[in-house]
Amino acid sequence: MTETGRARRLTWEVWAEGLDFPEGPVALADGSVLVSEMAAGRVTRVHPDGTTSPVAEVGGGPNGLGVLPDGALVVCQGGGSGWSRRPWPYDGPGAVELLLPGGPAEAPVAPELQRVEPDGTVGVLLPPGEGDALVKPSDVAVDAAGGVYVTDFGGIRGRTRTIAGVLYAPPGGPLREIVFPVELANGVALAPDERTLYVTETRTRRVWAFALSGPGEVESWTSLATLPAGGPIGFGSADGCAVDAEGNVAVATIGLGGVTVLSPSGDVVAEGPVGGDPMPTNVAFGGADGTTMLVTCGSSGRILATDDWGIPGAQPPVAWPPPT
């Protein structure tokens, strides 16, 4: 693996702020970005000038977002939680105070994949009981046919943890588990040719590469890389990810507080601490030509942007709502 000190350095500018724990960025063709605001239970459009407009009130704790071929959105609805400022990563010497989820939600909803129409109508993507159950869906990648790959973060209650994995649903379902177990499955993204699925494992900082023989069919897998730690007490974990047109994988790297870019062979080719927030949550490629790398920063409620990378995303920004 390339030594971190020799990797390209990314620098960031604040693109938007004032969001309630943003996640799941989806770049749009007009330069705006869709995000879920986890702490507010809504999906929001952030315009190029940093202003926002509501898309849908989905309740609970929305996380990953995707756009289906018919223009509807798929939302990873985690069910919701309480929110407070508390010590991170552990309550002890060296901790920092961040806005974090924890405890029961005031108005919990069922963990599910929601379908949001362009007019903001909220429904369910798959009927209840249609396939394997979800514990806490985290992120989603939509393939060219409209099938969805979903990471399930699992659940933690007290000293008990439910372990989950990765699921796939073709258009219309059913949803079935294709990888188990994964240690807190989080980010998910497809390679440009859709023959490799990348999944981040939060607890281990590991990025997995799953070779696909077809939609939802895992042929083989390998541990692509383990991300660097950093920040308070040398802590680290992996969150959301995105893939560019050359197959490089950009991962929101918690603890280090930035983005780590991996080559298709797992070398660290770029990194960029964001400063002021050790909890970046996800990555997207947007802007006028799709080459602007964007990172959502949960605790500080910001979206940061850099043009230092210069390679467009694996899929171009989408026109949304779709033309009628």
C-alpha atoms as a PDB file:
ATOM      1  CA  MET A   1       0.000   0.000   0.000  1.00  0.00           C
ATOM      2  CA  THR A   2       1.235   3.496  -0.771  1.00  0.00           C
ATOM      3  CA  GLU A   3       2.543   5.269   2.297  1.00  0.00           C
ATOM      4  CA  THR A   4       0.057   7.828   3.562  1.00  0.00           C
ATOM      5  CA  GLY A   5       2.700  10.575   3.546  1.00  0.00           C
ATOM      6  CA  ARG A   6       3.200  10.152  -0.233  1.00  0.00           C
ATOM      7  CA  ALA A   7      -0.492  10.325  -1.127  1.00  0.00           C
ATOM      8  CA  ARG A   8      -1.993  13.346  -2.858  1.00  0.00           C
ATOM      9  CA  ARG A   9      -3.346  15.896  -0.386  1.00  0.00           C
ATOM     10  CA  LEU A  10      -6.921  17.145  -0.835  1.00  0.00           C
ATOM     11  CA  THR A  11      -7.994  20.556   0.446  1.00  0.00           C
ATOM     12  CA  TRP A  12     -11.590  21.515   1.148  1.00  0.00           C
ATOM     13  CA  GLU A  13     -13.942  24.492   1.068  1.00  0.00           C
ATOM     14  CA  VAL A  14     -17.257  24.774   2.892  1.00  0.00           C
ATOM     15  CA  TRP A  15     -20.025  24.236   0.331  1.00  0.00           C
ATOM     16  CA  ALA A  16     -23.035  24.229   2.669  1.00  0.00           C
ATOM     17  CA  GLU A  17     -23.701  24.287   6.412  1.00  0.00           C
ATOM     18  CA  GLY A  18     -26.507  24.306   8.955  1.00  0.00           C
ATOM     19  CA  LEU A  19     -27.704  20.761   8.188  1.00  0.00           C
ATOM     20  CA  ASP A  20     -28.943  18.295  10.825  1.00  0.00           C
ATOM     21  CA  PHE A  21     -26.387  15.493  10.561  1.00  0.00           C
ATOM     22  CA  PRO A  22     -26.223  15.148   6.758  1.00  0.00           C
ATOM     23  CA  GLU A  23     -25.738  11.748   5.097  1.00  0.00           C
ATOM     24  CA  GLY A  24     -26.321   9.938   1.795  1.00  0.00           C
ATOM     25  CA  PRO A  25     -25.297  12.666  -0.704  1.00  0.00           C
ATOM     26  CA  VAL A  26     -26.598  12.258  -4.268  1.00  0.00           C
ATOM     27  CA  ALA A  27     -25.225  14.698  -6.865  1.00  0.00           C
ATOM     28  CA  LEU A  28     -27.715  16.188  -9.330  1.00  0.00           C
ATOM     29  CA  ALA A  29     -27.171  17.495 -12.847  1.00  0.00           C
ATOM     30  CA  ASP A  30     -27.988  21.108 -11.946  1.00  0.00           C
ATOM     31  CA  GLY A  31     -25.146  21.203  -9.397  1.00  0.00           C
ATOM     32  CA  SER A  32     -27.340  20.637  -6.360  1.00  0.00           C
ATOM     33  CA  VAL A  33     -27.122  17.686  -3.972  1.00  0.00           C
ATOM     34  CA  LEU A  34     -29.743  15.594  -2.222  1.00  0.00           C
ATOM     35  CA  VAL A  35     -28.954  14.636   1.369  1.00  0.00           C
ATOM     36  CA  SER A  36     -30.728  12.940   4.201  1.00  0.00           C
ATOM     37  CA  GLU A  37     -30.759  14.909   7.453  1.00  0.00           C
ATOM     38  CA  MET A  38     -30.646  12.068   9.947  1.00  0.00           C
ATOM     39  CA  ALA A  39     -31.332  14.149  13.028  1.00  0.00           C
ATOM     40  CA  ALA A  40     -34.333  15.852  11.415  1.00  0.00           C
ATOM     41  CA  GLY A  41     -36.000  12.912   9.665  1.00  0.00           C
ATOM     42  CA  ARG A  42     -36.086  14.541   6.250  1.00  0.00           C
ATOM     43  CA  VAL A  43     -34.599  14.521   2.765  1.00  0.00           C
ATOM     44  CA  THR A  44     -33.292  17.907   1.612  1.00  0.00           C
ATOM     45  CA  ARG A  45     -32.025  19.452  -1.597  1.00  0.00           C
ATOM     46  CA  VAL A  46     -28.936  21.623  -1.155  1.00  0.00           C
ATOM     47  CA  HIS A  47     -28.529  24.114  -3.991  1.00  0.00           C
ATOM     48  CA  PRO A  48     -25.183  25.277  -5.436  1.00  0.00           C
ATOM     49  CA  ASP A  49     -25.389  28.538  -3.465  1.00  0.00           C
ATOM     50  CA  GLY A  50     -25.761  26.605  -0.183  1.00  0.00           C
ATOM     51  CA  THR A  51     -29.463  27.275   0.292  1.00  0.00           C
ATOM     52  CA  THR A  52     -31.796  24.361   0.959  1.00  0.00           C
ATOM     53  CA  SER A  53     -35.293  23.250   0.054  1.00  0.00           C
ATOM     54  CA  PRO A  54     -37.251  20.338   1.568  1.00  0.00           C
ATOM     55  CA  VAL A  55     -37.910  17.227  -0.514  1.00  0.00           C
ATOM     56  CA  ALA A  56     -39.741  14.942   1.905  1.00  0.00           C
ATOM     57  CA  GLU A  57     -40.422  14.451   5.602  1.00  0.00           C
ATOM     58  CA  VAL A  58     -39.654  10.748   6.004  1.00  0.00           C
ATOM     59  CA  GLY A  59     -39.423  10.619   9.814  1.00  0.00           C
ATOM     60  CA  GLY A  60     -37.163   8.344  11.835  1.00  0.00           C
ATOM     61  CA  GLY A  61     -33.502   8.360  10.850  1.00  0.00           C
ATOM     62  CA  PRO A  62     -32.964   8.464   7.077  1.00  0.00           C
ATOM     63  CA  ASN A  63     -29.486   7.511   5.927  1.00  0.00           C
ATOM     64  CA  GLY A  64     -28.340   6.415   2.455  1.00  0.00           C
ATOM     65  CA  LEU A  65     -30.149   7.695  -0.657  1.00  0.00           C
ATOM     66  CA  GLY A  66     -30.353   6.540  -4.253  1.00  0.00           C
ATOM     67  CA  VAL A  67     -32.252   7.479  -7.408  1.00  0.00           C
ATOM     68  CA  LEU A  68     -34.234   4.735  -9.139  1.00  0.00           C
ATOM     69  CA  PRO A  69     -34.562   4.617 -12.950  1.00  0.00           C
ATOM     70  CA  ASP A  70     -38.135   5.963 -12.771  1.00  0.00           C
ATOM     71  CA  GLY A  71     -37.006   9.005 -10.773  1.00  0.00           C
ATOM     72  CA  ALA A  72     -38.224   7.926  -7.355  1.00  0.00           C
ATOM     73  CA  LEU A  73     -35.772   7.991  -4.461  1.00  0.00           C
ATOM     74  CA  VAL A  74     -34.909   5.015  -2.306  1.00  0.00           C
ATOM     75  CA  VAL A  75     -34.163   5.937   1.314  1.00  0.00           C
ATOM     76  CA  CYS A  76     -32.458   3.738   3.882  1.00  0.00           C
ATOM     77  CA  GLN A  77     -34.743   4.320   6.854  1.00  0.00           C
ATOM     78  CA  GLY A  78     -32.908   3.243   9.999  1.00  0.00           C
ATOM     79  CA  GLY A  79     -35.838   3.828  12.336  1.00  0.00           C
ATOM     80  CA  GLY A  80     -34.480   6.830  14.233  1.00  0.00           C
ATOM     81  CA  SER A  81     -32.740   7.487  17.544  1.00  0.00           C
ATOM     82  CA  GLY A  82     -32.263  10.165  20.133  1.00  0.00           C
ATOM     83  CA  TRP A  83     -29.664  12.899  19.542  1.00  0.00           C
ATOM     84  CA  SER A  84     -27.375  14.717  21.951  1.00  0.00           C
ATOM     85  CA  ARG A  85     -23.930  16.238  22.267  1.00  0.00           C
ATOM     86  CA  ARG A  86     -21.690  13.827  24.140  1.00  0.00           C
ATOM     87  CA  PRO A  87     -18.085  12.629  24.342  1.00  0.00           C
ATOM     88  CA  TRP A  88     -16.665  10.738  21.366  1.00  0.00           C
ATOM     89  CA  PRO A  89     -15.264   8.180  20.638  1.00  0.00           C
ATOM     90  CA  TYR A  90     -15.414   7.124  24.312  1.00  0.00           C
ATOM     91  CA  ASP A  91     -16.194   8.997  27.501  1.00  0.00           C
ATOM     92  CA  GLY A  92     -12.674   9.432  28.820  1.00  0.00           C
ATOM     93  CA  PRO A  93      -9.434  11.423  28.498  1.00  0.00           C
ATOM     94  CA  GLY A  94      -8.897  12.793  24.996  1.00  0.00           C
ATOM     95  CA  ALA A  95     -12.554  12.649  23.974  1.00  0.00           C
ATOM     96  CA  VAL A  96     -14.221  15.441  22.000  1.00  0.00           C
ATOM     97  CA  GLU A  97     -17.850  16.519  22.230  1.00  0.00           C
ATOM     98  CA  LEU A  98     -19.916  15.839  19.100  1.00  0.00           C
ATOM     99  CA  LEU A  99     -23.553  15.678  18.051  1.00  0.00           C
ATOM    100  CA  LEU A 100     -24.267  11.944  18.014  1.00  0.00           C
ATOM    101  CA  PRO A 101     -27.170   9.504  17.818  1.00  0.00           C
ATOM    102  CA  GLY A 102     -27.959   7.479  20.898  1.00  0.00           C
ATOM    103  CA  GLY A 103     -30.877   6.168  22.884  1.00  0.00           C
ATOM    104  CA  PRO A 104     -34.469   5.692  21.757  1.00  0.00           C
ATOM    105  CA  ALA A 105     -36.170   7.944  19.226  1.00  0.00           C
ATOM    106  CA  GLU A 106     -39.133  10.079  20.284  1.00  0.00           C
ATOM    107  CA  ALA A 107     -41.091   8.860  17.247  1.00  0.00           C
ATOM    108  CA  PRO A 108     -39.455   5.685  15.893  1.00  0.00           C
ATOM    109  CA  VAL A 109     -40.493   4.180  12.580  1.00  0.00           C
ATOM    110  CA  ALA A 110     -39.949   0.710  11.149  1.00  0.00           C
ATOM    111  CA  PRO A 111     -36.519   0.084   9.590  1.00  0.00           C
ATOM    112  CA  GLU A 112     -37.202  -0.255   5.869  1.00  0.00           C
ATOM    113  CA  LEU A 113     -36.427   0.943   2.383  1.00  0.00           C
ATOM    114  CA  GLN A 114     -38.663   3.913   1.702  1.00  0.00           C
ATOM    115  CA  ARG A 115     -39.716   5.056  -1.748  1.00  0.00           C
ATOM    116  CA  VAL A 116     -40.067   8.830  -2.165  1.00  0.00           C
ATOM    117  CA  GLU A 117     -41.783  10.178  -5.264  1.00  0.00           C
ATOM    118  CA  PRO A 118     -40.530  13.407  -6.873  1.00  0.00           C
ATOM    119  CA  ASP A 119     -43.551  15.212  -5.374  1.00  0.00           C
ATOM    120  CA  GLY A 120     -42.456  14.190  -1.864  1.00  0.00           C
ATOM    121  CA  THR A 121     -44.949  11.353  -1.323  1.00  0.00           C
ATOM    122  CA  VAL A 122     -43.420   8.753   0.981  1.00  0.00           C
ATOM    123  CA  GLY A 123     -44.130   5.043   0.611  1.00  0.00           C
ATOM    124  CA  VAL A 124     -42.368   1.698   0.956  1.00  0.00           C
ATOM    125  CA  LEU A 125     -40.108   0.319  -1.776  1.00  0.00           C
ATOM    126  CA  LEU A 126     -40.870  -3.332  -0.972  1.00  0.00           C
ATOM    127  CA  PRO A 127     -43.945  -4.706   0.784  1.00  0.00           C
ATOM    128  CA  PRO A 128     -43.392  -5.793   4.415  1.00  0.00           C
ATOM    129  CA  GLY A 129     -42.122  -9.349   4.557  1.00  0.00           C
ATOM    130  CA  GLU A 130     -40.900  -9.263   0.943  1.00  0.00           C
ATOM    131  CA  GLY A 131     -37.581 -11.048   1.482  1.00  0.00           C
ATOM    132  CA  ASP A 132     -35.065 -10.926   4.293  1.00  0.00           C
ATOM    133  CA  ALA A 133     -35.670  -8.491   7.140  1.00  0.00           C
ATOM    134  CA  LEU A 134     -33.645  -5.335   7.754  1.00  0.00           C
ATOM    135  CA  VAL A 135     -32.282  -4.376  11.178  1.00  0.00           C
ATOM    136  CA  LYS A 136     -30.907  -0.886  10.435  1.00  0.00           C
ATOM    137  CA  PRO A 137     -30.302  -0.152   6.743  1.00  0.00           C
ATOM    138  CA  SER A 138     -27.353   2.176   6.287  1.00  0.00           C
ATOM    139  CA  ASP A 139     -26.520   2.876   2.649  1.00  0.00           C
ATOM    140  CA  VAL A 140     -27.674   1.929  -0.835  1.00  0.00           C
ATOM    141  CA  ALA A 141     -26.252   1.591  -4.343  1.00  0.00           C
ATOM    142  CA  VAL A 142     -28.624   1.409  -7.327  1.00  0.00           C
ATOM    143  CA  ASP A 143     -27.523  -0.599 -10.369  1.00  0.00           C
ATOM    144  CA  ALA A 144     -28.359   0.153 -14.003  1.00  0.00           C
ATOM    145  CA  ALA A 145     -31.423  -2.101 -13.944  1.00  0.00           C
ATOM    146  CA  GLY A 146     -32.851  -0.467 -10.815  1.00  0.00           C
ATOM    147  CA  GLY A 147     -31.796  -3.200  -8.405  1.00  0.00           C
ATOM    148  CA  VAL A 148     -30.565  -2.058  -5.001  1.00  0.00           C
ATOM    149  CA  TYR A 149     -27.602  -3.147  -2.901  1.00  0.00           C
ATOM    150  CA  VAL A 150     -28.181  -2.315   0.767  1.00  0.00           C
ATOM    151  CA  THR A 151     -25.828  -2.426   3.739  1.00  0.00           C
ATOM    152  CA  ASP A 152     -27.404  -3.316   7.077  1.00  0.00           C
ATOM    153  CA  PHE A 153     -25.565  -1.787  10.016  1.00  0.00           C
ATOM    154  CA  GLY A 154     -27.202  -4.126  12.493  1.00  0.00           C
ATOM    155  CA  GLY A 155     -28.188  -3.002  15.970  1.00  0.00           C
ATOM    156  CA  ILE A 156     -26.590  -2.228  19.315  1.00  0.00           C
ATOM    157  CA  ARG A 157     -28.563  -2.263  22.542  1.00  0.00           C
ATOM    158  CA  GLY A 158     -26.609  -2.007  25.755  1.00  0.00           C
ATOM    159  CA  ARG A 159     -23.977  -4.729  25.618  1.00  0.00           C
ATOM    160  CA  THR A 160     -25.785  -6.721  22.942  1.00  0.00           C
ATOM    161  CA  ARG A 161     -25.144  -6.349  19.216  1.00  0.00           C
ATOM    162  CA  THR A 162     -27.069  -7.781  16.273  1.00  0.00           C
ATOM    163  CA  ILE A 163     -24.753  -8.511  13.337  1.00  0.00           C
ATOM    164  CA  ALA A 164     -26.056  -8.128   9.786  1.00  0.00           C
ATOM    165  CA  GLY A 165     -24.548  -7.836   6.302  1.00  0.00           C
ATOM    166  CA  VAL A 166     -25.282  -6.842   2.701  1.00  0.00           C
ATOM    167  CA  LEU A 167     -28.555  -7.429   0.843  1.00  0.00           C
ATOM    168  CA  TYR A 168     -29.763  -7.107  -2.744  1.00  0.00           C
ATOM    169  CA  ALA A 169     -33.197  -6.636  -4.286  1.00  0.00           C
ATOM    170  CA  PRO A 170     -33.892  -6.691  -8.034  1.00  0.00           C
ATOM    171  CA  PRO A 171     -36.629  -4.325  -9.239  1.00  0.00           C
ATOM    172  CA  GLY A 172     -39.794  -5.375  -7.396  1.00  0.00           C
ATOM    173  CA  GLY A 173     -37.915  -7.562  -4.912  1.00  0.00           C
ATOM    174  CA  PRO A 174     -37.479  -9.747  -3.037  1.00  0.00           C
ATOM    175  CA  LEU A 175     -34.711  -8.486  -0.757  1.00  0.00           C
ATOM    176  CA  ARG A 176     -32.188 -11.189   0.066  1.00  0.00           C
ATOM    177  CA  GLU A 177     -28.980 -11.300   2.057  1.00  0.00           C
ATOM    178  CA  ILE A 178     -25.937 -11.871  -0.177  1.00  0.00           C
ATOM    179  CA  VAL A 179     -23.095 -11.338   2.339  1.00  0.00           C
ATOM    180  CA  PHE A 180     -23.013 -12.303   6.018  1.00  0.00           C
ATOM    181  CA  PRO A 181     -21.539 -11.342   8.416  1.00  0.00           C
ATOM    182  CA  VAL A 182     -20.131  -7.830   8.080  1.00  0.00           C
ATOM    183  CA  GLU A 183     -18.879  -5.907  11.116  1.00  0.00           C
ATOM    184  CA  LEU A 184     -21.242  -2.909  11.009  1.00  0.00           C
ATOM    185  CA  ALA A 185     -21.768  -2.751   7.239  1.00  0.00           C
ATOM    186  CA  ASN A 186     -21.854   0.897   6.208  1.00  0.00           C
ATOM    187  CA  GLY A 187     -20.870   2.397   2.837  1.00  0.00           C
ATOM    188  CA  VAL A 188     -21.628   0.680  -0.464  1.00  0.00           C
ATOM    189  CA  ALA A 189     -20.761   1.595  -4.052  1.00  0.00           C
ATOM    190  CA  LEU A 190     -20.471  -0.078  -7.465  1.00  0.00           C
ATOM    191  CA  ALA A 191     -17.479  -0.022  -9.799  1.00  0.00           C
ATOM    192  CA  PRO A 192     -18.076   1.655 -13.188  1.00  0.00           C
ATOM    193  CA  ASP A 193     -18.702  -1.703 -14.914  1.00  0.00           C
ATOM    194  CA  GLU A 194     -20.876  -2.930 -11.997  1.00  0.00           C
ATOM    195  CA  ARG A 195     -18.722  -6.059 -11.708  1.00  0.00           C
ATOM    196  CA  THR A 196     -17.330  -5.101  -8.277  1.00  0.00           C
ATOM    197  CA  LEU A 197     -19.228  -4.018  -5.181  1.00  0.00           C
ATOM    198  CA  TYR A 198     -17.328  -2.094  -2.508  1.00  0.00           C
ATOM    199  CA  VAL A 199     -18.496  -2.223   1.106  1.00  0.00           C
ATOM    200  CA  THR A 200     -16.997  -0.478   4.140  1.00  0.00           C
ATOM    201  CA  GLU A 201     -16.882  -2.200   7.494  1.00  0.00           C
ATOM    202  CA  THR A 202     -17.117   0.421  10.197  1.00  0.00           C
ATOM    203  CA  ARG A 203     -15.664  -1.398  13.186  1.00  0.00           C
ATOM    204  CA  THR A 204     -12.579  -2.782  11.447  1.00  0.00           C
ATOM    205  CA  ARG A 205     -11.903   0.181   9.077  1.00  0.00           C
ATOM    206  CA  ARG A 206     -11.828  -2.425   6.313  1.00  0.00           C
ATOM    207  CA  VAL A 207     -12.955  -1.903   2.715  1.00  0.00           C
ATOM    208  CA  TRP A 208     -14.196  -5.088   1.034  1.00  0.00           C
ATOM    209  CA  ALA A 209     -14.296  -5.687  -2.726  1.00  0.00           C
ATOM    210  CA  PHE A 210     -16.906  -8.244  -3.840  1.00  0.00           C
ATOM    211  CA  ALA A 211     -16.612  -9.555  -7.399  1.00  0.00           C
ATOM    212  CA  LEU A 212     -20.047  -9.979  -8.994  1.00  0.00           C
ATOM    213  CA  SER A 213     -20.922 -12.538 -11.647  1.00  0.00           C
ATOM    214  CA  GLY A 214     -24.279 -10.818 -12.142  1.00  0.00           C
ATOM    215  CA  PRO A 215     -26.693  -8.525 -10.285  1.00  0.00           C
ATOM    216  CA  GLY A 216     -26.717  -9.572  -6.647  1.00  0.00           C
ATOM    217  CA  GLU A 217     -24.469 -12.592  -7.308  1.00  0.00           C
ATOM    218  CA  VAL A 218     -21.223 -12.564  -5.296  1.00  0.00           C
ATOM    219  CA  GLU A 219     -18.527 -14.629  -7.010  1.00  0.00           C
ATOM    220  CA  SER A 220     -15.537 -13.899  -4.772  1.00  0.00           C
ATOM    221  CA  TRP A 221     -14.270 -11.266  -2.373  1.00  0.00           C
ATOM    222  CA  THR A 222     -11.119  -9.706  -1.026  1.00  0.00           C
ATOM    223  CA  SER A 223     -10.105  -7.253   1.686  1.00  0.00           C
ATOM    224  CA  LEU A 224      -9.092  -4.268  -0.446  1.00  0.00           C
ATOM    225  CA  ALA A 225      -7.565  -2.121   2.321  1.00  0.00           C
ATOM    226  CA  THR A 226      -7.715  -1.092   5.964  1.00  0.00           C
ATOM    227  CA  LEU A 227      -8.098   2.653   6.417  1.00  0.00           C
ATOM    228  CA  PRO A 228      -5.788   4.736   8.625  1.00  0.00           C
ATOM    229  CA  ALA A 229      -6.835   5.789  12.117  1.00  0.00           C
ATOM    230  CA  GLY A 230      -6.246   9.195  13.676  1.00  0.00           C
ATOM    231  CA  GLY A 231      -7.815  12.023  15.641  1.00  0.00           C
ATOM    232  CA  PRO A 232      -8.818  11.593  19.284  1.00  0.00           C
ATOM    233  CA  ILE A 233      -6.933   8.685  20.923  1.00  0.00           C
ATOM    234  CA  GLY A 234      -5.948   7.303  17.505  1.00  0.00           C
ATOM    235  CA  PHE A 235      -9.468   6.065  16.841  1.00  0.00           C
ATOM    236  CA  GLY A 236     -10.758   5.212  13.385  1.00  0.00           C
ATOM    237  CA  SER A 237     -13.626   3.710  11.433  1.00  0.00           C
ATOM    238  CA  ALA A 238     -15.067   3.672   7.908  1.00  0.00           C
ATOM    239  CA  ASP A 239     -18.296   5.302   6.767  1.00  0.00           C
ATOM    240  CA  GLY A 240     -19.806   5.989   3.331  1.00  0.00           C
ATOM    241  CA  CYS A 241     -17.964   5.677   0.026  1.00  0.00           C
ATOM    242  CA  ALA A 242     -18.148   6.576  -3.658  1.00  0.00           C
ATOM    243  CA  VAL A 243     -16.330   5.339  -6.763  1.00  0.00           C
ATOM    244  CA  ASP A 244     -14.953   7.484  -9.578  1.00  0.00           C
ATOM    245  CA  ALA A 245     -14.887   6.734 -13.307  1.00  0.00           C
ATOM    246  CA  GLU A 246     -11.431   5.144 -13.050  1.00  0.00           C
ATOM    247  CA  GLY A 247     -12.447   2.782 -10.245  1.00  0.00           C
ATOM    248  CA  ASN A 248     -10.846   4.650  -7.348  1.00  0.00           C
ATOM    249  CA  VAL A 249     -12.780   4.367  -4.073  1.00  0.00           C
ATOM    250  CA  ALA A 250     -13.215   7.488  -1.911  1.00  0.00           C
ATOM    251  CA  VAL A 251     -14.121   6.655   1.685  1.00  0.00           C
ATOM    252  CA  ALA A 252     -15.287   8.935   4.492  1.00  0.00           C
ATOM    253  CA  THR A 253     -12.742   8.095   7.183  1.00  0.00           C
ATOM    254  CA  ILE A 254     -13.877   8.692  10.759  1.00  0.00           C
ATOM    255  CA  GLY A 255     -11.230   9.526  13.355  1.00  0.00           C
ATOM    256  CA  LEU A 256      -8.790  10.742  10.727  1.00  0.00           C
ATOM    257  CA  GLY A 257     -11.607  13.158   9.929  1.00  0.00           C
ATOM    258  CA  GLY A 258     -11.523  13.252   6.155  1.00  0.00           C
ATOM    259  CA  VAL A 259     -11.574  11.253   2.940  1.00  0.00           C
ATOM    260  CA  THR A 260      -9.167   8.470   1.989  1.00  0.00           C
ATOM    261  CA  VAL A 261      -8.987   7.589  -1.718  1.00  0.00           C
ATOM    262  CA  LEU A 262      -7.963   4.038  -2.632  1.00  0.00           C
ATOM    263  CA  SER A 263      -6.866   2.829  -6.055  1.00  0.00           C
ATOM    264  CA  PRO A 264      -8.599  -0.270  -7.471  1.00  0.00           C
ATOM    265  CA  SER A 265      -5.647  -2.273  -6.096  1.00  0.00           C
ATOM    266  CA  GLY A 266      -6.011  -0.806  -2.591  1.00  0.00           C
ATOM    267  CA  ASP A 267      -3.199   1.763  -2.528  1.00  0.00           C
ATOM    268  CA  VAL A 268      -3.839   5.041  -0.691  1.00  0.00           C
ATOM    269  CA  VAL A 269      -3.563   7.571  -3.521  1.00  0.00           C
ATOM    270  CA  ALA A 270      -5.089  10.638  -1.849  1.00  0.00           C
ATOM    271  CA  GLU A 271      -6.311  11.828   1.505  1.00  0.00           C
ATOM    272  CA  GLY A 272      -7.853  14.992   2.808  1.00  0.00           C
ATOM    273  CA  PRO A 273      -8.581  15.800   6.464  1.00  0.00           C
ATOM    274  CA  VAL A 274     -11.578  18.118   6.582  1.00  0.00           C
ATOM    275  CA  GLY A 275     -10.676  19.932   9.812  1.00  0.00           C
ATOM    276  CA  GLY A 276     -12.980  20.562  12.750  1.00  0.00           C
ATOM    277  CA  ASP A 277     -15.091  17.423  12.465  1.00  0.00           C
ATOM    278  CA  PRO A 278     -13.704  13.900  12.963  1.00  0.00           C
ATOM    279  CA  MET A 279     -16.990  12.425  11.695  1.00  0.00           C
ATOM    280  CA  PRO A 280     -17.298  12.691   7.894  1.00  0.00           C
ATOM    281  CA  THR A 281     -20.216  10.495   6.900  1.00  0.00           C
ATOM    282  CA  ASN A 282     -20.283  10.019   3.112  1.00  0.00           C
ATOM    283  CA  VAL A 283     -18.853  11.025  -0.267  1.00  0.00           C
ATOM    284  CA  ALA A 284     -20.236  11.946  -3.697  1.00  0.00           C
ATOM    285  CA  PHE A 285     -18.964  13.366  -7.002  1.00  0.00           C
ATOM    286  CA  GLY A 286     -20.875  16.391  -8.261  1.00  0.00           C
ATOM    287  CA  GLY A 287     -20.522  19.877  -9.637  1.00  0.00           C
ATOM    288  CA  ALA A 288     -20.961  21.034 -13.220  1.00  0.00           C
ATOM    289  CA  ASP A 289     -18.862  18.202 -14.719  1.00  0.00           C
ATOM    290  CA  GLY A 290     -19.101  15.634 -11.928  1.00  0.00           C
ATOM    291  CA  THR A 291     -15.459  16.094 -10.863  1.00  0.00           C
ATOM    292  CA  THR A 292     -16.068  17.950  -7.599  1.00  0.00           C
ATOM    293  CA  MET A 293     -15.624  15.617  -4.638  1.00  0.00           C
ATOM    294  CA  LEU A 294     -18.153  16.307  -1.877  1.00  0.00           C
ATOM    295  CA  VAL A 295     -18.113  15.030   1.685  1.00  0.00           C
ATOM    296  CA  THR A 296     -20.905  15.304   4.243  1.00  0.00           C
ATOM    297  CA  CYS A 297     -19.779  16.024   7.801  1.00  0.00           C
ATOM    298  CA  GLY A 298     -22.355  14.812  10.292  1.00  0.00           C
ATOM    299  CA  SER A 299     -21.609  16.417  13.617  1.00  0.00           C
ATOM    300  CA  SER A 300     -20.777  19.880  12.208  1.00  0.00           C
ATOM    301  CA  GLY A 301     -23.715  19.807   9.757  1.00  0.00           C
ATOM    302  CA  ARG A 302     -21.616  20.791   6.747  1.00  0.00           C
ATOM    303  CA  ILE A 303     -20.913  19.700   3.184  1.00  0.00           C
ATOM    304  CA  LEU A 304     -17.352  20.331   2.034  1.00  0.00           C
ATOM    305  CA  ALA A 305     -16.061  20.303  -1.544  1.00  0.00           C
ATOM    306  CA  THR A 306     -12.756  19.959  -3.361  1.00  0.00           C
ATOM    307  CA  ASP A 307     -11.752  20.203  -7.023  1.00  0.00           C
ATOM    308  CA  ASP A 308      -8.306  18.750  -6.296  1.00  0.00           C
ATOM    309  CA  TRP A 309      -9.187  15.240  -7.448  1.00  0.00           C
ATOM    310  CA  GLY A 310     -10.486  16.069 -10.916  1.00  0.00           C
ATOM    311  CA  ILE A 311     -11.923  12.674 -11.933  1.00  0.00           C
ATOM    312  CA  PRO A 312     -15.710  12.371 -12.381  1.00  0.00           C
ATOM    313  CA  GLY A 313     -17.796   9.833 -10.516  1.00  0.00           C
ATOM    314  CA  ALA A 314     -18.558   6.373 -11.859  1.00  0.00           C
ATOM    315  CA  GLN A 315     -22.077   7.542 -12.666  1.00  0.00           C
ATOM    316  CA  PRO A 316     -22.732  11.119 -13.841  1.00  0.00           C
ATOM    317  CA  PRO A 317     -24.954  13.396 -11.744  1.00  0.00           C
ATOM    318  CA  VAL A 318     -28.608  12.679 -12.448  1.00  0.00           C
ATOM    319  CA  ALA A 319     -31.363  14.995 -13.657  1.00  0.00           C
ATOM    320  CA  TRP A 320     -33.898  15.104 -10.826  1.00  0.00           C
ATOM    321  CA  PRO A 321     -36.830  15.372 -10.787  1.00  0.00           C
ATOM    322  CA  PRO A 322     -36.775  13.556 -14.113  1.00  0.00           C
ATOM    323  CA  PRO A 323     -38.073  15.440 -17.168  1.00  0.00           C
ATOM    324  CA  THR A 324     -41.771  14.868 -17.774  1.00  0.00           C
END
